[in-house]
Amino acid sequence: MKKINYIDSINHPIITEKATVLSEQNKTVFKVHKKANKTIIKKNIEKIFKVKVIKINIVNTKRKKKIKQGKPSTKSGYKKAIITLKKGQSIDLTTGL
């Protein structure tokens, strides 16, 4: 198995209406690598953003079948991580990685 680089395990933040509601509860949502697990994600978030992670929930979204221009296609699935931070800490998503 190929080792995942710490910067490659976290693809990008997910900014949706639901994610902004979660940010009020001190949570942040990221799209992560398919083979990344909770310990890898926790270690990398703490290393990149210099914050204390309390809890991580992982959600695997499945592939969806679509019809595009009359032809069947699939929308690829992905893995996202909902990260709960220590009270008083936050991640500034506007600065980027």
PDB file of N, CA and C in Angstrom:
ATOM      1  N   MET A   1       0.840  -1.187   0.000  1.00  0.00           N
ATOM      2  CA  MET A   1       0.000   0.000   0.000  1.00  0.00           C
ATOM      3  C   MET A   1       0.882   1.246   0.000  1.00  0.00           C
ATOM      4  N   LYS A   2       0.552   2.172  -0.859  1.00  0.00           N
ATOM      5  CA  LYS A   2       1.316   3.401  -0.967  1.00  0.00           C
ATOM      6  C   LYS A   2       1.001   4.305   0.219  1.00  0.00           C
ATOM      7  N   LYS A   3       2.037   4.881   0.814  1.00  0.00           N
ATOM      8  CA  LYS A   3       1.848   5.762   1.959  1.00  0.00           C
ATOM      9  C   LYS A   3       1.285   7.103   1.493  1.00  0.00           C
ATOM     10  N   ILE A   4       0.304   7.622   2.218  1.00  0.00           N
ATOM     11  CA  ILE A   4      -0.348   8.875   1.861  1.00  0.00           C
ATOM     12  C   ILE A   4       0.426  10.035   2.482  1.00  0.00           C
ATOM     13  N   ASN A   5       0.766  11.015   1.666  1.00  0.00           N
ATOM     14  CA  ASN A   5       1.440  12.214   2.144  1.00  0.00           C
ATOM     15  C   ASN A   5       0.473  13.002   3.025  1.00  0.00           C
ATOM     16  N   TYR A   6       0.966  13.677   4.050  1.00  0.00           N
ATOM     17  CA  TYR A   6       0.072  14.340   4.991  1.00  0.00           C
ATOM     18  C   TYR A   6      -0.723  15.468   4.341  1.00  0.00           C
ATOM     19  N   ILE A   7      -0.183  16.111   3.344  1.00  0.00           N
ATOM     20  CA  ILE A   7      -0.905  17.194   2.693  1.00  0.00           C
ATOM     21  C   ILE A   7      -1.908  16.623   1.679  1.00  0.00           C
ATOM     22  N   ASP A   8      -1.648  15.413   1.158  1.00  0.00           N
ATOM     23  CA  ASP A   8      -2.548  14.796   0.184  1.00  0.00           C
ATOM     24  C   ASP A   8      -3.761  14.140   0.831  1.00  0.00           C
ATOM     25  N   SER A   9      -3.700  13.836   2.117  1.00  0.00           N
ATOM     26  CA  SER A   9      -4.822  13.160   2.764  1.00  0.00           C
ATOM     27  C   SER A   9      -6.019  14.083   2.928  1.00  0.00           C
ATOM     28  N   ILE A  10      -5.796  15.398   2.954  1.00  0.00           N
ATOM     29  CA  ILE A  10      -6.892  16.364   3.083  1.00  0.00           C
ATOM     30  C   ILE A  10      -6.985  17.122   1.767  1.00  0.00           C
ATOM     31  N   ASN A  11      -8.077  16.879   1.020  1.00  0.00           N
ATOM     32  CA  ASN A  11      -8.199  17.491  -0.307  1.00  0.00           C
ATOM     33  C   ASN A  11      -8.596  18.954  -0.230  1.00  0.00           C
ATOM     34  N   HIS A  12      -9.774  19.236   0.321  1.00  0.00           N
ATOM     35  CA  HIS A  12     -10.227  20.619   0.439  1.00  0.00           C
ATOM     36  C   HIS A  12     -11.408  20.691   1.383  1.00  0.00           C
ATOM     37  N   PRO A  13     -11.684  21.883   1.920  1.00  0.00           N
ATOM     38  CA  PRO A  13     -12.844  22.023   2.809  1.00  0.00           C
ATOM     39  C   PRO A  13     -14.137  22.008   1.996  1.00  0.00           C
ATOM     40  N   ILE A  14     -15.197  21.524   2.618  1.00  0.00           N
ATOM     41  CA  ILE A  14     -16.515  21.537   1.999  1.00  0.00           C
ATOM     42  C   ILE A  14     -17.288  22.699   2.613  1.00  0.00           C
ATOM     43  N   ILE A  15     -17.687  23.645   1.760  1.00  0.00           N
ATOM     44  CA  ILE A  15     -18.397  24.826   2.244  1.00  0.00           C
ATOM     45  C   ILE A  15     -19.805  24.783   1.669  1.00  0.00           C
ATOM     46  N   THR A  16     -20.738  24.301   2.473  1.00  0.00           N
ATOM     47  CA  THR A  16     -22.144  24.248   2.105  1.00  0.00           C
ATOM     48  C   THR A  16     -22.950  24.882   3.231  1.00  0.00           C
ATOM     49  N   GLU A  17     -24.252  24.939   3.033  1.00  0.00           N
ATOM     50  CA  GLU A  17     -25.110  25.509   4.072  1.00  0.00           C
ATOM     51  C   GLU A  17     -25.061  24.669   5.343  1.00  0.00           C
ATOM     52  N   LYS A  18     -25.058  23.354   5.164  1.00  0.00           N
ATOM     53  CA  LYS A  18     -24.994  22.459   6.322  1.00  0.00           C
ATOM     54  C   LYS A  18     -23.650  22.586   7.050  1.00  0.00           C
ATOM     55  N   ALA A  19     -22.574  22.758   6.297  1.00  0.00           N
ATOM     56  CA  ALA A  19     -21.244  22.899   6.899  1.00  0.00           C
ATOM     57  C   ALA A  19     -21.121  24.209   7.675  1.00  0.00           C
ATOM     58  N   THR A  20     -21.766  25.270   7.209  1.00  0.00           N
ATOM     59  CA  THR A  20     -21.706  26.534   7.948  1.00  0.00           C
ATOM     60  C   THR A  20     -22.508  26.464   9.233  1.00  0.00           C
ATOM     61  N   VAL A  21     -23.597  25.686   9.237  1.00  0.00           N
ATOM     62  CA  VAL A  21     -24.351  25.480  10.479  1.00  0.00           C
ATOM     63  C   VAL A  21     -23.496  24.690  11.473  1.00  0.00           C
ATOM     64  N   LEU A  22     -22.748  23.702  10.974  1.00  0.00           N
ATOM     65  CA  LEU A  22     -21.870  22.915  11.849  1.00  0.00           C
ATOM     66  C   LEU A  22     -20.721  23.757  12.408  1.00  0.00           C
ATOM     67  N   SER A  23     -20.307  24.793  11.676  1.00  0.00           N
ATOM     68  CA  SER A  23     -19.201  25.622  12.159  1.00  0.00           C
ATOM     69  C   SER A  23     -19.577  26.381  13.428  1.00  0.00           C
ATOM     70  N   GLU A  24     -20.871  26.602  13.639  1.00  0.00           N
ATOM     71  CA  GLU A  24     -21.313  27.233  14.889  1.00  0.00           C
ATOM     72  C   GLU A  24     -21.119  26.305  16.079  1.00  0.00           C
ATOM     73  N   GLN A  25     -21.072  24.989  15.821  1.00  0.00           N
ATOM     74  CA  GLN A  25     -20.849  23.997  16.870  1.00  0.00           C
ATOM     75  C   GLN A  25     -19.378  23.613  16.969  1.00  0.00           C
ATOM     76  N   ASN A  26     -18.492  24.444  16.409  1.00  0.00           N
ATOM     77  CA  ASN A  26     -17.044  24.231  16.446  1.00  0.00           C
ATOM     78  C   ASN A  26     -16.627  23.001  15.632  1.00  0.00           C
ATOM     79  N   LYS A  27     -17.288  22.771  14.490  1.00  0.00           N
ATOM     80  CA  LYS A  27     -16.970  21.654  13.608  1.00  0.00           C
ATOM     81  C   LYS A  27     -16.622  22.181  12.224  1.00  0.00           C
ATOM     82  N   THR A  28     -15.740  21.452  11.540  1.00  0.00           N
ATOM     83  CA  THR A  28     -15.322  21.801  10.190  1.00  0.00           C
ATOM     84  C   THR A  28     -15.407  20.550   9.331  1.00  0.00           C
ATOM     85  N   VAL A  29     -15.780  20.710   8.054  1.00  0.00           N
ATOM     86  CA  VAL A  29     -15.959  19.575   7.153  1.00  0.00           C
ATOM     87  C   VAL A  29     -14.910  19.643   6.041  1.00  0.00           C
ATOM     88  N   PHE A  30     -14.217  18.505   5.813  1.00  0.00           N
ATOM     89  CA  PHE A  30     -13.206  18.407   4.767  1.00  0.00           C
ATOM     90  C   PHE A  30     -13.466  17.195   3.896  1.00  0.00           C
ATOM     91  N   LYS A  31     -13.149  17.312   2.603  1.00  0.00           N
ATOM     92  CA  LYS A  31     -13.118  16.162   1.714  1.00  0.00           C
ATOM     93  C   LYS A  31     -11.736  15.559   1.858  1.00  0.00           C
ATOM     94  N   VAL A  32     -11.661  14.243   2.094  1.00  0.00           N
ATOM     95  CA  VAL A  32     -10.379  13.602   2.373  1.00  0.00           C
ATOM     96  C   VAL A  32     -10.121  12.465   1.390  1.00  0.00           C
ATOM     97  N   HIS A  33      -8.898  11.949   1.417  1.00  0.00           N
ATOM     98  CA  HIS A  33      -8.489  10.841   0.556  1.00  0.00           C
ATOM     99  C   HIS A  33      -9.282   9.590   0.914  1.00  0.00           C
ATOM    100  N   LYS A  34      -9.569   8.754  -0.084  1.00  0.00           N
ATOM    101  CA  LYS A  34     -10.397   7.562   0.140  1.00  0.00           C
ATOM    102  C   LYS A  34      -9.771   6.565   1.107  1.00  0.00           C
ATOM    103  N   LYS A  35      -8.439   6.504   1.159  1.00  0.00           N
ATOM    104  CA  LYS A  35      -7.771   5.531   2.023  1.00  0.00           C
ATOM    105  C   LYS A  35      -7.344   6.112   3.364  1.00  0.00           C
ATOM    106  N   ALA A  36      -7.674   7.362   3.640  1.00  0.00           N
ATOM    107  CA  ALA A  36      -7.287   7.979   4.910  1.00  0.00           C
ATOM    108  C   ALA A  36      -8.221   7.507   6.027  1.00  0.00           C
ATOM    109  N   ASN A  37      -7.657   7.257   7.202  1.00  0.00           N
ATOM    110  CA  ASN A  37      -8.473   6.864   8.349  1.00  0.00           C
ATOM    111  C   ASN A  37      -8.448   7.982   9.400  1.00  0.00           C
ATOM    112  N   LYS A  38      -9.130   7.753  10.508  1.00  0.00           N
ATOM    113  CA  LYS A  38      -9.290   8.806  11.517  1.00  0.00           C
ATOM    114  C   LYS A  38      -7.966   9.248  12.124  1.00  0.00           C
ATOM    115  N   THR A  39      -7.063   8.308  12.391  1.00  0.00           N
ATOM    116  CA  THR A  39      -5.801   8.675  13.023  1.00  0.00           C
ATOM    117  C   THR A  39      -4.927   9.498  12.086  1.00  0.00           C
ATOM    118  N   ILE A  40      -4.909   9.140  10.797  1.00  0.00           N
ATOM    119  CA  ILE A  40      -4.135   9.913   9.822  1.00  0.00           C
ATOM    120  C   ILE A  40      -4.700  11.315   9.688  1.00  0.00           C
ATOM    121  N   ILE A  41      -6.027  11.413   9.599  1.00  0.00           N
ATOM    122  CA  ILE A  41      -6.678  12.719   9.438  1.00  0.00           C
ATOM    123  C   ILE A  41      -6.427  13.597  10.655  1.00  0.00           C
ATOM    124  N   LYS A  42      -6.562  13.031  11.851  1.00  0.00           N
ATOM    125  CA  LYS A  42      -6.357  13.800  13.082  1.00  0.00           C
ATOM    126  C   LYS A  42      -4.940  14.341  13.159  1.00  0.00           C
ATOM    127  N   LYS A  43      -3.956  13.486  12.877  1.00  0.00           N
ATOM    128  CA  LYS A  43      -2.562  13.893  12.947  1.00  0.00           C
ATOM    129  C   LYS A  43      -2.265  14.994  11.927  1.00  0.00           C
ATOM    130  N   ASN A  44      -2.817  14.865  10.729  1.00  0.00           N
ATOM    131  CA  ASN A  44      -2.535  15.833   9.674  1.00  0.00           C
ATOM    132  C   ASN A  44      -3.231  17.169   9.892  1.00  0.00           C
ATOM    133  N   ILE A  45      -4.460  17.155  10.388  1.00  0.00           N
ATOM    134  CA  ILE A  45      -5.165  18.411  10.689  1.00  0.00           C
ATOM    135  C   ILE A  45      -4.425  19.170  11.778  1.00  0.00           C
ATOM    136  N   GLU A  46      -3.982  18.457  12.818  1.00  0.00           N
ATOM    137  CA  GLU A  46      -3.250  19.111  13.899  1.00  0.00           C
ATOM    138  C   GLU A  46      -1.907  19.662  13.413  1.00  0.00           C
ATOM    139  N   LYS A  47      -1.251  18.966  12.465  1.00  0.00           N
ATOM    140  CA  LYS A  47       0.027  19.415  11.946  1.00  0.00           C
ATOM    141  C   LYS A  47      -0.134  20.625  11.022  1.00  0.00           C
ATOM    142  N   ILE A  48      -1.142  20.602  10.150  1.00  0.00           N
ATOM    143  CA  ILE A  48      -1.312  21.677   9.165  1.00  0.00           C
ATOM    144  C   ILE A  48      -1.851  22.947   9.808  1.00  0.00           C
ATOM    145  N   PHE A  49      -2.932  22.826  10.589  1.00  0.00           N
ATOM    146  CA  PHE A  49      -3.634  24.006  11.096  1.00  0.00           C
ATOM    147  C   PHE A  49      -3.259  24.389  12.524  1.00  0.00           C
ATOM    148  N   LYS A  50      -2.443  23.593  13.214  1.00  0.00           N
ATOM    149  CA  LYS A  50      -1.993  23.878  14.582  1.00  0.00           C
ATOM    150  C   LYS A  50      -3.183  24.061  15.534  1.00  0.00           C
ATOM    151  N   VAL A  51      -4.122  23.080  15.516  1.00  0.00           N
ATOM    152  CA  VAL A  51      -5.285  23.089  16.394  1.00  0.00           C
ATOM    153  C   VAL A  51      -5.371  21.740  17.097  1.00  0.00           C
ATOM    154  N   LYS A  52      -6.219  21.650  18.120  1.00  0.00           N
ATOM    155  CA  LYS A  52      -6.430  20.410  18.861  1.00  0.00           C
ATOM    156  C   LYS A  52      -7.744  19.781  18.402  1.00  0.00           C
ATOM    157  N   VAL A  53      -7.677  18.564  17.856  1.00  0.00           N
ATOM    158  CA  VAL A  53      -8.852  17.847  17.374  1.00  0.00           C
ATOM    159  C   VAL A  53      -9.382  16.957  18.494  1.00  0.00           C
ATOM    160  N   ILE A  54     -10.684  17.073  18.789  1.00  0.00           N
ATOM    161  CA  ILE A  54     -11.307  16.257  19.823  1.00  0.00           C
ATOM    162  C   ILE A  54     -11.914  14.989  19.232  1.00  0.00           C
ATOM    163  N   LYS A  55     -12.633  15.138  18.117  1.00  0.00           N
ATOM    164  CA  LYS A  55     -13.383  14.014  17.564  1.00  0.00           C
ATOM    165  C   LYS A  55     -13.447  14.133  16.049  1.00  0.00           C
ATOM    166  N   ILE A  56     -13.487  12.974  15.367  1.00  0.00           N
ATOM    167  CA  ILE A  56     -13.625  12.947  13.913  1.00  0.00           C
ATOM    168  C   ILE A  56     -14.711  11.944  13.541  1.00  0.00           C
ATOM    169  N   ASN A  57     -15.652  12.393  12.715  1.00  0.00           N
ATOM    170  CA  ASN A  57     -16.658  11.509  12.134  1.00  0.00           C
ATOM    171  C   ASN A  57     -16.390  11.425  10.644  1.00  0.00           C
ATOM    172  N   ILE A  58     -16.436  10.212  10.088  1.00  0.00           N
ATOM    173  CA  ILE A  58     -16.175  10.019   8.666  1.00  0.00           C
ATOM    174  C   ILE A  58     -17.453   9.551   7.983  1.00  0.00           C
ATOM    175  N   VAL A  59     -17.750  10.162   6.821  1.00  0.00           N
ATOM    176  CA  VAL A  59     -18.931   9.806   6.043  1.00  0.00           C
ATOM    177  C   VAL A  59     -18.466   9.441   4.636  1.00  0.00           C
ATOM    178  N   ASN A  60     -18.815   8.229   4.185  1.00  0.00           N
ATOM    179  CA  ASN A  60     -18.529   7.811   2.821  1.00  0.00           C
ATOM    180  C   ASN A  60     -19.761   8.066   1.973  1.00  0.00           C
ATOM    181  N   THR A  61     -19.646   8.927   0.964  1.00  0.00           N
ATOM    182  CA  THR A  61     -20.764   9.156   0.055  1.00  0.00           C
ATOM    183  C   THR A  61     -20.609   8.215  -1.129  1.00  0.00           C
ATOM    184  N   LYS A  62     -21.695   7.586  -1.526  1.00  0.00           N
ATOM    185  CA  LYS A  62     -21.648   6.588  -2.579  1.00  0.00           C
ATOM    186  C   LYS A  62     -21.724   7.234  -3.957  1.00  0.00           C
ATOM    187  N   ARG A  63     -21.324   6.455  -4.973  1.00  0.00           N
ATOM    188  CA  ARG A  63     -21.429   6.908  -6.353  1.00  0.00           C
ATOM    189  C   ARG A  63     -22.896   6.995  -6.738  1.00  0.00           C
ATOM    190  N   LYS A  64     -23.207   7.951  -7.606  1.00  0.00           N
ATOM    191  CA  LYS A  64     -24.580   8.124  -8.056  1.00  0.00           C
ATOM    192  C   LYS A  64     -24.638   7.969  -9.563  1.00  0.00           C
ATOM    193  N   LYS A  65     -25.689   7.306 -10.037  1.00  0.00           N
ATOM    194  CA  LYS A  65     -25.882   7.144 -11.469  1.00  0.00           C
ATOM    195  C   LYS A  65     -26.611   8.365 -12.004  1.00  0.00           C
ATOM    196  N   LYS A  66     -26.097   8.915 -13.092  1.00  0.00           N
ATOM    197  CA  LYS A  66     -26.674  10.093 -13.731  1.00  0.00           C
ATOM    198  C   LYS A  66     -26.849   9.820 -15.213  1.00  0.00           C
ATOM    199  N   ILE A  67     -27.680  10.609 -15.844  1.00  0.00           N
ATOM    200  CA  ILE A  67     -27.803  10.577 -17.300  1.00  0.00           C
ATOM    201  C   ILE A  67     -27.342  11.936 -17.803  1.00  0.00           C
ATOM    202  N   LYS A  68     -26.294  11.928 -18.599  1.00  0.00           N
ATOM    203  CA  LYS A  68     -25.688  13.156 -19.097  1.00  0.00           C
ATOM    204  C   LYS A  68     -25.738  13.135 -20.617  1.00  0.00           C
ATOM    205  N   GLN A  69     -26.458  14.069 -21.197  1.00  0.00           N
ATOM    206  CA  GLN A  69     -26.642  14.174 -22.639  1.00  0.00           C
ATOM    207  C   GLN A  69     -27.161  12.867 -23.232  1.00  0.00           C
ATOM    208  N   GLY A  70     -28.091  12.245 -22.525  1.00  0.00           N
ATOM    209  CA  GLY A  70     -28.709  11.012 -22.995  1.00  0.00           C
ATOM    210  C   GLY A  70     -27.897   9.756 -22.768  1.00  0.00           C
ATOM    211  N   LYS A  71     -26.725   9.870 -22.193  1.00  0.00           N
ATOM    212  CA  LYS A  71     -25.862   8.713 -21.957  1.00  0.00           C
ATOM    213  C   LYS A  71     -25.706   8.496 -20.458  1.00  0.00           C
ATOM    214  N   PRO A  72     -25.729   7.233 -20.022  1.00  0.00           N
ATOM    215  CA  PRO A  72     -25.545   6.972 -18.584  1.00  0.00           C
ATOM    216  C   PRO A  72     -24.104   7.238 -18.154  1.00  0.00           C
ATOM    217  N   SER A  73     -23.955   7.861 -17.002  1.00  0.00           N
ATOM    218  CA  SER A  73     -22.637   8.110 -16.425  1.00  0.00           C
ATOM    219  C   SER A  73     -22.765   8.017 -14.910  1.00  0.00           C
ATOM    220  N   THR A  74     -21.650   8.115 -14.225  1.00  0.00           N
ATOM    221  CA  THR A  74     -21.669   8.057 -12.768  1.00  0.00           C
ATOM    222  C   THR A  74     -20.962   9.265 -12.184  1.00  0.00           C
ATOM    223  N   LYS A  75     -21.510   9.735 -11.073  1.00  0.00           N
ATOM    224  CA  LYS A  75     -20.869  10.795 -10.306  1.00  0.00           C
ATOM    225  C   LYS A  75     -20.072  10.092  -9.219  1.00  0.00           C
ATOM    226  N   SER A  76     -18.776  10.324  -9.164  1.00  0.00           N
ATOM    227  CA  SER A  76     -17.919   9.562  -8.265  1.00  0.00           C
ATOM    228  C   SER A  76     -18.229   9.863  -6.803  1.00  0.00           C
ATOM    229  N   GLY A  77     -18.061   8.862  -5.972  1.00  0.00           N
ATOM    230  CA  GLY A  77     -18.252   9.021  -4.540  1.00  0.00           C
ATOM    231  C   GLY A  77     -16.979   9.558  -3.901  1.00  0.00           C
ATOM    232  N   TYR A  78     -17.090   9.997  -2.662  1.00  0.00           N
ATOM    233  CA  TYR A  78     -15.934  10.527  -1.957  1.00  0.00           C
ATOM    234  C   TYR A  78     -16.118  10.309  -0.457  1.00  0.00           C
ATOM    235  N   LYS A  79     -15.069  10.603   0.289  1.00  0.00           N
ATOM    236  CA  LYS A  79     -15.078  10.473   1.741  1.00  0.00           C
ATOM    237  C   LYS A  79     -14.930  11.861   2.339  1.00  0.00           C
ATOM    238  N   LYS A  80     -15.776  12.166   3.328  1.00  0.00           N
ATOM    239  CA  LYS A  80     -15.631  13.453   4.001  1.00  0.00           C
ATOM    240  C   LYS A  80     -15.501  13.240   5.496  1.00  0.00           C
ATOM    241  N   ALA A  81     -14.785  14.147   6.128  1.00  0.00           N
ATOM    242  CA  ALA A  81     -14.522  14.065   7.558  1.00  0.00           C
ATOM    243  C   ALA A  81     -15.100  15.301   8.236  1.00  0.00           C
ATOM    244  N   ILE A  82     -15.896  15.064   9.289  1.00  0.00           N
ATOM    245  CA  ILE A  82     -16.431  16.144  10.110  1.00  0.00           C
ATOM    246  C   ILE A  82     -15.562  16.200  11.359  1.00  0.00           C
ATOM    247  N   ILE A  83     -14.839  17.300  11.513  1.00  0.00           N
ATOM    248  CA  ILE A  83     -13.834  17.421  12.562  1.00  0.00           C
ATOM    249  C   ILE A  83     -14.326  18.356  13.655  1.00  0.00           C
ATOM    250  N   THR A  84     -14.337  17.862  14.895  1.00  0.00           N
ATOM    251  CA  THR A  84     -14.713  18.680  16.048  1.00  0.00           C
ATOM    252  C   THR A  84     -13.436  19.184  16.708  1.00  0.00           C
ATOM    253  N   LEU A  85     -13.354  20.487  16.859  1.00  0.00           N
ATOM    254  CA  LEU A  85     -12.175  21.122  17.442  1.00  0.00           C
ATOM    255  C   LEU A  85     -12.408  21.444  18.914  1.00  0.00           C
ATOM    256  N   LYS A  86     -11.301  21.686  19.628  1.00  0.00           N
ATOM    257  CA  LYS A  86     -11.359  22.084  21.023  1.00  0.00           C
ATOM    258  C   LYS A  86     -12.061  23.435  21.116  1.00  0.00           C
ATOM    259  N   LYS A  87     -12.817  23.628  22.191  1.00  0.00           N
ATOM    260  CA  LYS A  87     -13.577  24.861  22.361  1.00  0.00           C
ATOM    261  C   LYS A  87     -12.642  26.068  22.350  1.00  0.00           C
ATOM    262  N   GLY A  88     -13.015  27.082  21.581  1.00  0.00           N
ATOM    263  CA  GLY A  88     -12.214  28.281  21.480  1.00  0.00           C
ATOM    264  C   GLY A  88     -11.262  28.296  20.289  1.00  0.00           C
ATOM    265  N   GLN A  89     -11.065  27.150  19.633  1.00  0.00           N
ATOM    266  CA  GLN A  89     -10.192  27.091  18.472  1.00  0.00           C
ATOM    267  C   GLN A  89     -11.030  27.050  17.194  1.00  0.00           C
ATOM    268  N   SER A  90     -10.454  27.507  16.092  1.00  0.00           N
ATOM    269  CA  SER A  90     -11.140  27.449  14.816  1.00  0.00           C
ATOM    270  C   SER A  90     -10.124  27.381  13.688  1.00  0.00           C
ATOM    271  N   ILE A  91     -10.596  26.960  12.512  1.00  0.00           N
ATOM    272  CA  ILE A  91      -9.772  26.896  11.321  1.00  0.00           C
ATOM    273  C   ILE A  91     -10.265  27.966  10.368  1.00  0.00           C
ATOM    274  N   ASP A  92      -9.362  28.857   9.925  1.00  0.00           N
ATOM    275  CA  ASP A  92      -9.722  29.910   8.989  1.00  0.00           C
ATOM    276  C   ASP A  92      -9.649  29.343   7.584  1.00  0.00           C
ATOM    277  N   LEU A  93     -10.796  29.086   6.966  1.00  0.00           N
ATOM    278  CA  LEU A  93     -10.841  28.471   5.653  1.00  0.00           C
ATOM    279  C   LEU A  93     -10.570  29.447   4.521  1.00  0.00           C
ATOM    280  N   THR A  94     -10.568  30.738   4.811  1.00  0.00           N
ATOM    281  CA  THR A  94     -10.348  31.725   3.756  1.00  0.00           C
ATOM    282  C   THR A  94      -8.883  31.845   3.349  1.00  0.00           C
ATOM    283  N   THR A  95      -7.959  31.410   4.212  1.00  0.00           N
ATOM    284  CA  THR A  95      -6.535  31.532   3.891  1.00  0.00           C
ATOM    285  C   THR A  95      -6.073  30.439   2.946  1.00  0.00           C
ATOM    286  N   GLY A  96      -6.700  29.253   2.987  1.00  0.00           N
ATOM    287  CA  GLY A  96      -6.301  28.137   2.130  1.00  0.00           C
ATOM    288  C   GLY A  96      -5.150  27.345   2.725  1.00  0.00           C
ATOM    289  N   LEU A  97      -4.801  26.252   2.053  1.00  0.00           N
ATOM    290  CA  LEU A  97      -3.732  25.383   2.538  1.00  0.00           C
ATOM    291  C   LEU A  97      -2.392  25.887   2.077  1.00  0.00           C
TER     292      LEU A  97
END
